[in-house]
Amino acid sequence: SIGNGARTILFNDEVHTFEEVANQLVRAIRCTFARGLALANAVHHIGSAVVYEGHLERCEAVAMVLEEIGLKTRVER
Protein backbone atom coordinates (compact mmCIF):
# COMPACT_ATOMS: atom_id res chain seq x y z
CA SER A 1 0.00 0.00 0.00
CA ILE A 2 1.20 3.49 -0.75
CA GLY A 3 1.55 6.57 1.40
CA ASN A 4 -1.39 6.78 3.76
CA GLY A 5 -2.73 3.52 2.42
CA ALA A 6 -5.38 1.99 4.59
CA ARG A 7 -8.32 -0.07 3.46
CA THR A 8 -11.85 -0.87 4.52
CA ILE A 9 -12.87 -4.49 4.20
CA LEU A 10 -16.51 -5.53 4.15
CA PHE A 11 -17.46 -9.04 5.27
CA ASN A 12 -20.35 -11.20 4.13
CA ASP A 13 -23.30 -11.85 6.38
CA GLU A 14 -26.54 -13.72 5.83
CA VAL A 15 -28.67 -10.86 7.14
CA HIS A 16 -28.65 -8.05 4.58
CA THR A 17 -29.97 -8.07 1.02
CA PHE A 18 -27.79 -7.12 -1.95
CA GLU A 19 -29.85 -3.93 -2.28
CA GLU A 20 -29.34 -2.96 1.38
CA VAL A 21 -25.59 -3.49 1.10
CA ALA A 22 -25.41 -1.66 -2.23
CA ASN A 23 -27.40 1.31 -0.90
CA GLN A 24 -25.16 1.58 2.14
CA LEU A 25 -22.05 1.40 -0.06
CA VAL A 26 -23.46 4.26 -2.16
CA ARG A 27 -23.68 6.31 1.06
CA ALA A 28 -20.32 5.17 2.44
CA ILE A 29 -18.04 5.41 -0.60
CA ARG A 30 -20.19 7.56 -2.90
CA CYS A 31 -20.25 5.00 -5.69
CA THR A 32 -23.02 4.23 -8.16
CA PHE A 33 -25.71 1.72 -7.19
CA ALA A 34 -24.36 -0.59 -9.92
CA ARG A 35 -20.88 -0.46 -8.36
CA GLY A 36 -22.43 -1.08 -4.93
CA LEU A 37 -24.20 -4.16 -6.27
CA ALA A 38 -20.98 -5.43 -7.87
CA LEU A 39 -19.14 -5.05 -4.56
CA ALA A 40 -22.01 -6.69 -2.66
CA ASN A 41 -21.85 -9.57 -5.12
CA ALA A 42 -18.09 -9.96 -4.61
CA VAL A 43 -18.52 -9.92 -0.82
CA HIS A 44 -21.26 -12.55 -1.10
CA HIS A 45 -19.25 -14.92 -3.29
CA ILE A 46 -15.75 -14.43 -1.84
CA GLY A 47 -16.69 -13.74 1.79
CA SER A 48 -15.13 -10.28 1.96
CA ALA A 49 -13.88 -7.50 -0.28
CA VAL A 50 -11.88 -4.29 -0.03
CA VAL A 51 -14.51 -1.63 -0.64
CA TYR A 52 -12.35 1.45 -0.08
CA GLU A 53 -8.66 2.36 -0.02
CA GLY A 54 -7.24 5.69 1.10
CA HIS A 55 -6.45 7.75 4.18
CA LEU A 56 -6.96 5.94 7.49
CA GLU A 57 -9.48 8.53 8.74
CA ARG A 58 -11.57 8.19 5.59
CA CYS A 59 -11.43 4.38 5.78
CA GLU A 60 -12.68 4.55 9.36
CA ALA A 61 -15.48 6.93 8.33
CA VAL A 62 -16.49 4.51 5.54
CA ALA A 63 -16.54 1.63 8.04
CA MET A 64 -18.72 3.65 10.43
CA VAL A 65 -21.33 4.31 7.73
CA LEU A 66 -21.39 0.62 6.74
CA GLU A 67 -21.72 -0.41 10.39
CA GLU A 68 -24.76 1.88 10.85
CA ILE A 69 -26.92 -0.95 9.48
CA GLY A 70 -24.94 -3.68 11.23
CA LEU A 71 -22.55 -4.65 8.45
CA LYS A 72 -19.24 -6.22 9.52
CA THR A 73 -16.11 -4.32 8.54
CA ARG A 74 -12.43 -4.08 9.34
CA VAL A 75 -9.99 -1.26 8.65
CA GLU A 76 -6.39 -2.32 7.95
CA ARG A 77 -3.28 -0.22 7.54
PDB file of N, CA and C in Angstrom:
ATOM      1  N   SER A   1       0.848  -1.190   0.000  1.00  0.00           N
ATOM      2  CA  SER A   1       0.000   0.000   0.000  1.00  0.00           C
ATOM      3  C   SER A   1       0.881   1.236   0.000  1.00  0.00           C
ATOM      4  N   ILE A   2       0.404   2.286  -0.557  1.00  0.00           N
ATOM      5  CA  ILE A   2       1.204   3.488  -0.752  1.00  0.00           C
ATOM      6  C   ILE A   2       0.803   4.592   0.211  1.00  0.00           C
ATOM      7  N   GLY A   3       1.798   5.371   0.602  1.00  0.00           N
ATOM      8  CA  GLY A   3       1.552   6.573   1.398  1.00  0.00           C
ATOM      9  C   GLY A   3       0.702   6.325   2.613  1.00  0.00           C
ATOM     10  N   ASN A   4      -0.477   6.924   2.628  1.00  0.00           N
ATOM     11  CA  ASN A   4      -1.394   6.781   3.758  1.00  0.00           C
ATOM     12  C   ASN A   4      -2.326   5.594   3.540  1.00  0.00           C
ATOM     13  N   GLY A   5      -1.846   4.594   2.830  1.00  0.00           N
ATOM     14  CA  GLY A   5      -2.731   3.516   2.423  1.00  0.00           C
ATOM     15  C   GLY A   5      -3.330   2.732   3.565  1.00  0.00           C
ATOM     16  N   ALA A   6      -4.604   2.855   3.715  1.00  0.00           N
ATOM     17  CA  ALA A   6      -5.377   1.986   4.594  1.00  0.00           C
ATOM     18  C   ALA A   6      -6.507   1.464   3.734  1.00  0.00           C
ATOM     19  N   ARG A   7      -7.211   0.448   4.240  1.00  0.00           N
ATOM     20  CA  ARG A   7      -8.324  -0.069   3.457  1.00  0.00           C
ATOM     21  C   ARG A   7      -9.448  -0.532   4.357  1.00  0.00           C
ATOM     22  N   THR A   8     -10.649  -0.416   3.813  1.00  0.00           N
ATOM     23  CA  THR A   8     -11.845  -0.868   4.517  1.00  0.00           C
ATOM     24  C   THR A   8     -12.310  -2.161   3.866  1.00  0.00           C
ATOM     25  N   ILE A   9     -12.430  -3.193   4.677  1.00  0.00           N
ATOM     26  CA  ILE A   9     -12.869  -4.491   4.198  1.00  0.00           C
ATOM     27  C   ILE A   9     -14.286  -4.736   4.696  1.00  0.00           C
ATOM     28  N   LEU A  10     -15.141  -5.194   3.795  1.00  0.00           N
ATOM     29  CA  LEU A  10     -16.513  -5.532   4.149  1.00  0.00           C
ATOM     30  C   LEU A  10     -16.660  -7.044   4.115  1.00  0.00           C
ATOM     31  N   PHE A  11     -17.287  -7.591   5.156  1.00  0.00           N
ATOM     32  CA  PHE A  11     -17.460  -9.035   5.274  1.00  0.00           C
ATOM     33  C   PHE A  11     -18.888  -9.456   4.961  1.00  0.00           C
ATOM     34  N   ASN A  12     -19.031 -10.651   4.447  1.00  0.00           N
ATOM     35  CA  ASN A  12     -20.348 -11.199   4.134  1.00  0.00           C
ATOM     36  C   ASN A  12     -21.120 -11.508   5.410  1.00  0.00           C
ATOM     37  N   ASP A  13     -22.428 -11.345   5.333  1.00  0.00           N
ATOM     38  CA  ASP A  13     -23.301 -11.850   6.384  1.00  0.00           C
ATOM     39  C   ASP A  13     -24.534 -12.416   5.700  1.00  0.00           C
ATOM     40  N   GLU A  14     -25.342 -13.122   6.431  1.00  0.00           N
ATOM     41  CA  GLU A  14     -26.540 -13.716   5.830  1.00  0.00           C
ATOM     42  C   GLU A  14     -27.774 -12.914   6.206  1.00  0.00           C
ATOM     43  N   VAL A  15     -27.573 -11.675   6.611  1.00  0.00           N
ATOM     44  CA  VAL A  15     -28.665 -10.856   7.143  1.00  0.00           C
ATOM     45  C   VAL A  15     -29.178  -9.856   6.113  1.00  0.00           C
ATOM     46  N   HIS A  16     -28.272  -9.161   5.445  1.00  0.00           N
ATOM     47  CA  HIS A  16     -28.649  -8.048   4.576  1.00  0.00           C
ATOM     48  C   HIS A  16     -28.841  -8.487   3.126  1.00  0.00           C
ATOM     49  N   THR A  17     -29.756  -7.805   2.439  1.00  0.00           N
ATOM     50  CA  THR A  17     -29.970  -8.070   1.018  1.00  0.00           C
ATOM     51  C   THR A  17     -28.892  -7.363   0.205  1.00  0.00           C
ATOM     52  N   PHE A  18     -28.735  -7.783  -1.047  1.00  0.00           N
ATOM     53  CA  PHE A  18     -27.793  -7.118  -1.954  1.00  0.00           C
ATOM     54  C   PHE A  18     -28.127  -5.633  -2.053  1.00  0.00           C
ATOM     55  N   GLU A  19     -29.429  -5.321  -2.126  1.00  0.00           N
ATOM     56  CA  GLU A  19     -29.850  -3.926  -2.280  1.00  0.00           C
ATOM     57  C   GLU A  19     -29.498  -3.098  -1.044  1.00  0.00           C
ATOM     58  N   GLU A  20     -29.690  -3.683   0.146  1.00  0.00           N
ATOM     59  CA  GLU A  20     -29.341  -2.958   1.378  1.00  0.00           C
ATOM     60  C   GLU A  20     -27.840  -2.662   1.419  1.00  0.00           C
ATOM     61  N   VAL A  21     -27.042  -3.666   1.085  1.00  0.00           N
ATOM     62  CA  VAL A  21     -25.588  -3.487   1.097  1.00  0.00           C
ATOM     63  C   VAL A  21     -25.184  -2.464   0.045  1.00  0.00           C
ATOM     64  N   ALA A  22     -25.738  -2.585  -1.150  1.00  0.00           N
ATOM     65  CA  ALA A  22     -25.410  -1.656  -2.233  1.00  0.00           C
ATOM     66  C   ALA A  22     -25.778  -0.222  -1.861  1.00  0.00           C
ATOM     67  N   ASN A  23     -26.975  -0.034  -1.295  1.00  0.00           N
ATOM     68  CA  ASN A  23     -27.405   1.310  -0.903  1.00  0.00           C
ATOM     69  C   ASN A  23     -26.491   1.903   0.160  1.00  0.00           C
ATOM     70  N   GLN A  24     -26.034   1.070   1.092  1.00  0.00           N
ATOM     71  CA  GLN A  24     -25.156   1.582   2.142  1.00  0.00           C
ATOM     72  C   GLN A  24     -23.775   1.899   1.569  1.00  0.00           C
ATOM     73  N   LEU A  25     -23.322   1.111   0.614  1.00  0.00           N
ATOM     74  CA  LEU A  25     -22.049   1.403  -0.058  1.00  0.00           C
ATOM     75  C   LEU A  25     -22.119   2.716  -0.828  1.00  0.00           C
ATOM     76  N   VAL A  26     -23.259   2.976  -1.455  1.00  0.00           N
ATOM     77  CA  VAL A  26     -23.461   4.256  -2.157  1.00  0.00           C
ATOM     78  C   VAL A  26     -23.254   5.407  -1.177  1.00  0.00           C
ATOM     79  N   ARG A  27     -23.824   5.273   0.024  1.00  0.00           N
ATOM     80  CA  ARG A  27     -23.684   6.308   1.057  1.00  0.00           C
ATOM     81  C   ARG A  27     -22.247   6.391   1.574  1.00  0.00           C
ATOM     82  N   ALA A  28     -21.622   5.220   1.787  1.00  0.00           N
ATOM     83  CA  ALA A  28     -20.316   5.171   2.445  1.00  0.00           C
ATOM     84  C   ALA A  28     -19.177   5.604   1.536  1.00  0.00           C
ATOM     85  N   ILE A  29     -19.184   5.125   0.286  1.00  0.00           N
ATOM     86  CA  ILE A  29     -18.042   5.406  -0.598  1.00  0.00           C
ATOM     87  C   ILE A  29     -18.435   6.250  -1.802  1.00  0.00           C
ATOM     88  N   ARG A  30     -19.694   6.672  -1.835  1.00  0.00           N
ATOM     89  CA  ARG A  30     -20.189   7.562  -2.896  1.00  0.00           C
ATOM     90  C   ARG A  30     -19.966   6.955  -4.281  1.00  0.00           C
ATOM     91  N   CYS A  31     -20.332   5.681  -4.400  1.00  0.00           N
ATOM     92  CA  CYS A  31     -20.249   5.001  -5.689  1.00  0.00           C
ATOM     93  C   CYS A  31     -21.641   4.946  -6.308  1.00  0.00           C
ATOM     94  N   THR A  32     -21.709   4.443  -7.528  1.00  0.00           N
ATOM     95  CA  THR A  32     -23.016   4.228  -8.158  1.00  0.00           C
ATOM     96  C   THR A  32     -23.670   3.004  -7.527  1.00  0.00           C
ATOM     97  N   PHE A  33     -24.992   2.890  -7.698  1.00  0.00           N
ATOM     98  CA  PHE A  33     -25.712   1.718  -7.190  1.00  0.00           C
ATOM     99  C   PHE A  33     -25.192   0.450  -7.878  1.00  0.00           C
ATOM    100  N   ALA A  34     -24.885   0.557  -9.171  1.00  0.00           N
ATOM    101  CA  ALA A  34     -24.363  -0.592  -9.920  1.00  0.00           C
ATOM    102  C   ALA A  34     -23.036  -1.070  -9.329  1.00  0.00           C
ATOM    103  N   ARG A  35     -22.164  -0.113  -8.982  1.00  0.00           N
ATOM    104  CA  ARG A  35     -20.881  -0.464  -8.361  1.00  0.00           C
ATOM    105  C   ARG A  35     -21.123  -1.086  -6.978  1.00  0.00           C
ATOM    106  N   GLY A  36     -22.071  -0.530  -6.240  1.00  0.00           N
ATOM    107  CA  GLY A  36     -22.426  -1.082  -4.935  1.00  0.00           C
ATOM    108  C   GLY A  36     -22.896  -2.521  -5.042  1.00  0.00           C
ATOM    109  N   LEU A  37     -23.724  -2.794  -6.050  1.00  0.00           N
ATOM    110  CA  LEU A  37     -24.198  -4.160  -6.271  1.00  0.00           C
ATOM    111  C   LEU A  37     -23.055  -5.089  -6.637  1.00  0.00           C
ATOM    112  N   ALA A  38     -22.132  -4.615  -7.472  1.00  0.00           N
ATOM    113  CA  ALA A  38     -20.983  -5.432  -7.873  1.00  0.00           C
ATOM    114  C   ALA A  38     -20.123  -5.779  -6.661  1.00  0.00           C
ATOM    115  N   LEU A  39     -19.915  -4.796  -5.780  1.00  0.00           N
ATOM    116  CA  LEU A  39     -19.142  -5.050  -4.561  1.00  0.00           C
ATOM    117  C   LEU A  39     -19.892  -5.999  -3.635  1.00  0.00           C
ATOM    118  N   ALA A  40     -21.200  -5.811  -3.493  1.00  0.00           N
ATOM    119  CA  ALA A  40     -22.014  -6.690  -2.655  1.00  0.00           C
ATOM    120  C   ALA A  40     -21.936  -8.126  -3.174  1.00  0.00           C
ATOM    121  N   ASN A  41     -21.947  -8.267  -4.480  1.00  0.00           N
ATOM    122  CA  ASN A  41     -21.853  -9.572  -5.120  1.00  0.00           C
ATOM    123  C   ASN A  41     -20.508 -10.232  -4.817  1.00  0.00           C
ATOM    124  N   ALA A  42     -19.430  -9.441  -4.910  1.00  0.00           N
ATOM    125  CA  ALA A  42     -18.090  -9.956  -4.613  1.00  0.00           C
ATOM    126  C   ALA A  42     -18.004 -10.407  -3.159  1.00  0.00           C
ATOM    127  N   VAL A  43     -18.519  -9.588  -2.249  1.00  0.00           N
ATOM    128  CA  VAL A  43     -18.520  -9.925  -0.819  1.00  0.00           C
ATOM    129  C   VAL A  43     -19.284 -11.232  -0.586  1.00  0.00           C
ATOM    130  N   HIS A  44     -20.422 -11.365  -1.260  1.00  0.00           N
ATOM    131  CA  HIS A  44     -21.260 -12.552  -1.098  1.00  0.00           C
ATOM    132  C   HIS A  44     -20.531 -13.817  -1.557  1.00  0.00           C
ATOM    133  N   HIS A  45     -19.872 -13.727  -2.702  1.00  0.00           N
ATOM    134  CA  HIS A  45     -19.245 -14.921  -3.286  1.00  0.00           C
ATOM    135  C   HIS A  45     -17.879 -15.245  -2.710  1.00  0.00           C
ATOM    136  N   ILE A  46     -17.127 -14.212  -2.317  1.00  0.00           N
ATOM    137  CA  ILE A  46     -15.754 -14.427  -1.837  1.00  0.00           C
ATOM    138  C   ILE A  46     -15.697 -14.451  -0.313  1.00  0.00           C
ATOM    139  N   GLY A  47     -16.669 -13.789   0.328  1.00  0.00           N
ATOM    140  CA  GLY A  47     -16.685 -13.743   1.788  1.00  0.00           C
ATOM    141  C   GLY A  47     -16.298 -12.394   2.341  1.00  0.00           C
ATOM    142  N   SER A  48     -15.500 -11.650   1.580  1.00  0.00           N
ATOM    143  CA  SER A  48     -15.133 -10.282   1.955  1.00  0.00           C
ATOM    144  C   SER A  48     -14.570  -9.590   0.732  1.00  0.00           C
ATOM    145  N   ALA A  49     -14.488  -8.272   0.803  1.00  0.00           N
ATOM    146  CA  ALA A  49     -13.880  -7.497  -0.284  1.00  0.00           C
ATOM    147  C   ALA A  49     -13.406  -6.161   0.251  1.00  0.00           C
ATOM    148  N   VAL A  50     -12.328  -5.648  -0.337  1.00  0.00           N
ATOM    149  CA  VAL A  50     -11.877  -4.295  -0.034  1.00  0.00           C
ATOM    150  C   VAL A  50     -12.829  -3.359  -0.765  1.00  0.00           C
ATOM    151  N   VAL A  51     -13.541  -2.527  -0.011  1.00  0.00           N
ATOM    152  CA  VAL A  51     -14.508  -1.626  -0.635  1.00  0.00           C
ATOM    153  C   VAL A  51     -14.007  -0.190  -0.732  1.00  0.00           C
ATOM    154  N   TYR A  52     -12.912   0.107  -0.002  1.00  0.00           N
ATOM    155  CA  TYR A  52     -12.351   1.455  -0.078  1.00  0.00           C
ATOM    156  C   TYR A  52     -10.888   1.418   0.314  1.00  0.00           C
ATOM    157  N   GLU A  53     -10.066   2.196  -0.387  1.00  0.00           N
ATOM    158  CA  GLU A  53      -8.655   2.362  -0.022  1.00  0.00           C
ATOM    159  C   GLU A  53      -8.338   3.841  -0.004  1.00  0.00           C
ATOM    160  N   GLY A  54      -7.601   4.280   1.009  1.00  0.00           N
ATOM    161  CA  GLY A  54      -7.245   5.692   1.103  1.00  0.00           C
ATOM    162  C   GLY A  54      -6.714   6.036   2.475  1.00  0.00           C
ATOM    163  N   HIS A  55      -6.896   7.300   2.864  1.00  0.00           N
ATOM    164  CA  HIS A  55      -6.445   7.749   4.177  1.00  0.00           C
ATOM    165  C   HIS A  55      -7.150   6.969   5.285  1.00  0.00           C
ATOM    166  N   LEU A  56      -6.426   6.704   6.367  1.00  0.00           N
ATOM    167  CA  LEU A  56      -6.962   5.942   7.489  1.00  0.00           C
ATOM    168  C   LEU A  56      -8.267   6.544   8.010  1.00  0.00           C
ATOM    169  N   GLU A  57      -8.288   7.871   8.191  1.00  0.00           N
ATOM    170  CA  GLU A  57      -9.478   8.529   8.741  1.00  0.00           C
ATOM    171  C   GLU A  57     -10.685   8.301   7.841  1.00  0.00           C
ATOM    172  N   ARG A  58     -10.470   8.388   6.541  1.00  0.00           N
ATOM    173  CA  ARG A  58     -11.573   8.188   5.590  1.00  0.00           C
ATOM    174  C   ARG A  58     -12.028   6.723   5.612  1.00  0.00           C
ATOM    175  N   CYS A  59     -11.081   5.807   5.699  1.00  0.00           N
ATOM    176  CA  CYS A  59     -11.426   4.384   5.780  1.00  0.00           C
ATOM    177  C   CYS A  59     -12.275   4.103   7.012  1.00  0.00           C
ATOM    178  N   GLU A  60     -11.921   4.734   8.130  1.00  0.00           N
ATOM    179  CA  GLU A  60     -12.685   4.550   9.363  1.00  0.00           C
ATOM    180  C   GLU A  60     -14.076   5.153   9.235  1.00  0.00           C
ATOM    181  N   ALA A  61     -14.175   6.294   8.543  1.00  0.00           N
ATOM    182  CA  ALA A  61     -15.481   6.926   8.326  1.00  0.00           C
ATOM    183  C   ALA A  61     -16.363   6.036   7.451  1.00  0.00           C
ATOM    184  N   VAL A  62     -15.769   5.447   6.425  1.00  0.00           N
ATOM    185  CA  VAL A  62     -16.494   4.514   5.545  1.00  0.00           C
ATOM    186  C   VAL A  62     -17.013   3.334   6.366  1.00  0.00           C
ATOM    187  N   ALA A  63     -16.159   2.772   7.204  1.00  0.00           N
ATOM    188  CA  ALA A  63     -16.543   1.632   8.037  1.00  0.00           C
ATOM    189  C   ALA A  63     -17.709   2.010   8.956  1.00  0.00           C
ATOM    190  N   MET A  64     -17.661   3.212   9.521  1.00  0.00           N
ATOM    191  CA  MET A  64     -18.722   3.651  10.430  1.00  0.00           C
ATOM    192  C   MET A  64     -20.074   3.725   9.719  1.00  0.00           C
ATOM    193  N   VAL A  65     -20.074   4.229   8.493  1.00  0.00           N
ATOM    194  CA  VAL A  65     -21.327   4.309   7.729  1.00  0.00           C
ATOM    195  C   VAL A  65     -21.850   2.902   7.438  1.00  0.00           C
ATOM    196  N   LEU A  66     -20.965   1.998   7.038  1.00  0.00           N
ATOM    197  CA  LEU A  66     -21.386   0.623   6.743  1.00  0.00           C
ATOM    198  C   LEU A  66     -21.934  -0.058   7.990  1.00  0.00           C
ATOM    199  N   GLU A  67     -21.314   0.228   9.133  1.00  0.00           N
ATOM    200  CA  GLU A  67     -21.725  -0.408  10.386  1.00  0.00           C
ATOM    201  C   GLU A  67     -23.035   0.146  10.935  1.00  0.00           C
ATOM    202  N   GLU A  68     -23.474   1.301  10.411  1.00  0.00           N
ATOM    203  CA  GLU A  68     -24.761   1.880  10.849  1.00  0.00           C
ATOM    204  C   GLU A  68     -25.914   0.888  10.701  1.00  0.00           C
ATOM    205  N   ILE A  69     -25.844   0.025   9.680  1.00  0.00           N
ATOM    206  CA  ILE A  69     -26.923  -0.949   9.478  1.00  0.00           C
ATOM    207  C   ILE A  69     -26.487  -2.344   9.930  1.00  0.00           C
ATOM    208  N   GLY A  70     -25.367  -2.417  10.655  1.00  0.00           N
ATOM    209  CA  GLY A  70     -24.937  -3.684  11.226  1.00  0.00           C
ATOM    210  C   GLY A  70     -24.043  -4.524  10.340  1.00  0.00           C
ATOM    211  N   LEU A  71     -23.485  -3.908   9.297  1.00  0.00           N
ATOM    212  CA  LEU A  71     -22.546  -4.651   8.452  1.00  0.00           C
ATOM    213  C   LEU A  71     -21.231  -4.842   9.195  1.00  0.00           C
ATOM    214  N   LYS A  72     -20.519  -5.918   8.868  1.00  0.00           N
ATOM    215  CA  LYS A  72     -19.240  -6.219   9.518  1.00  0.00           C
ATOM    216  C   LYS A  72     -18.105  -5.692   8.655  1.00  0.00           C
ATOM    217  N   THR A  73     -17.229  -4.888   9.276  1.00  0.00           N
ATOM    218  CA  THR A  73     -16.105  -4.318   8.537  1.00  0.00           C
ATOM    219  C   THR A  73     -14.820  -4.450   9.342  1.00  0.00           C
ATOM    220  N   ARG A  74     -13.710  -4.218   8.649  1.00  0.00           N
ATOM    221  CA  ARG A  74     -12.429  -4.084   9.338  1.00  0.00           C
ATOM    222  C   ARG A  74     -11.592  -3.084   8.557  1.00  0.00           C
ATOM    223  N   VAL A  75     -10.906  -2.206   9.281  1.00  0.00           N
ATOM    224  CA  VAL A  75      -9.986  -1.261   8.652  1.00  0.00           C
ATOM    225  C   VAL A  75      -8.572  -1.763   8.915  1.00  0.00           C
ATOM    226  N   GLU A  76      -7.793  -1.862   7.840  1.00  0.00           N
ATOM    227  CA  GLU A  76      -6.394  -2.316   7.951  1.00  0.00           C
ATOM    228  C   GLU A  76      -5.473  -1.237   7.407  1.00  0.00           C
ATOM    229  N   ARG A  77      -4.314  -1.097   8.063  1.00  0.00           N
ATOM    230  CA  ARG A  77      -3.276  -0.217   7.541  1.00  0.00           C
ATOM    231  C   ARG A  77      -2.425  -0.984   6.554  1.00  0.00           C
TER     232      ARG A  77
END
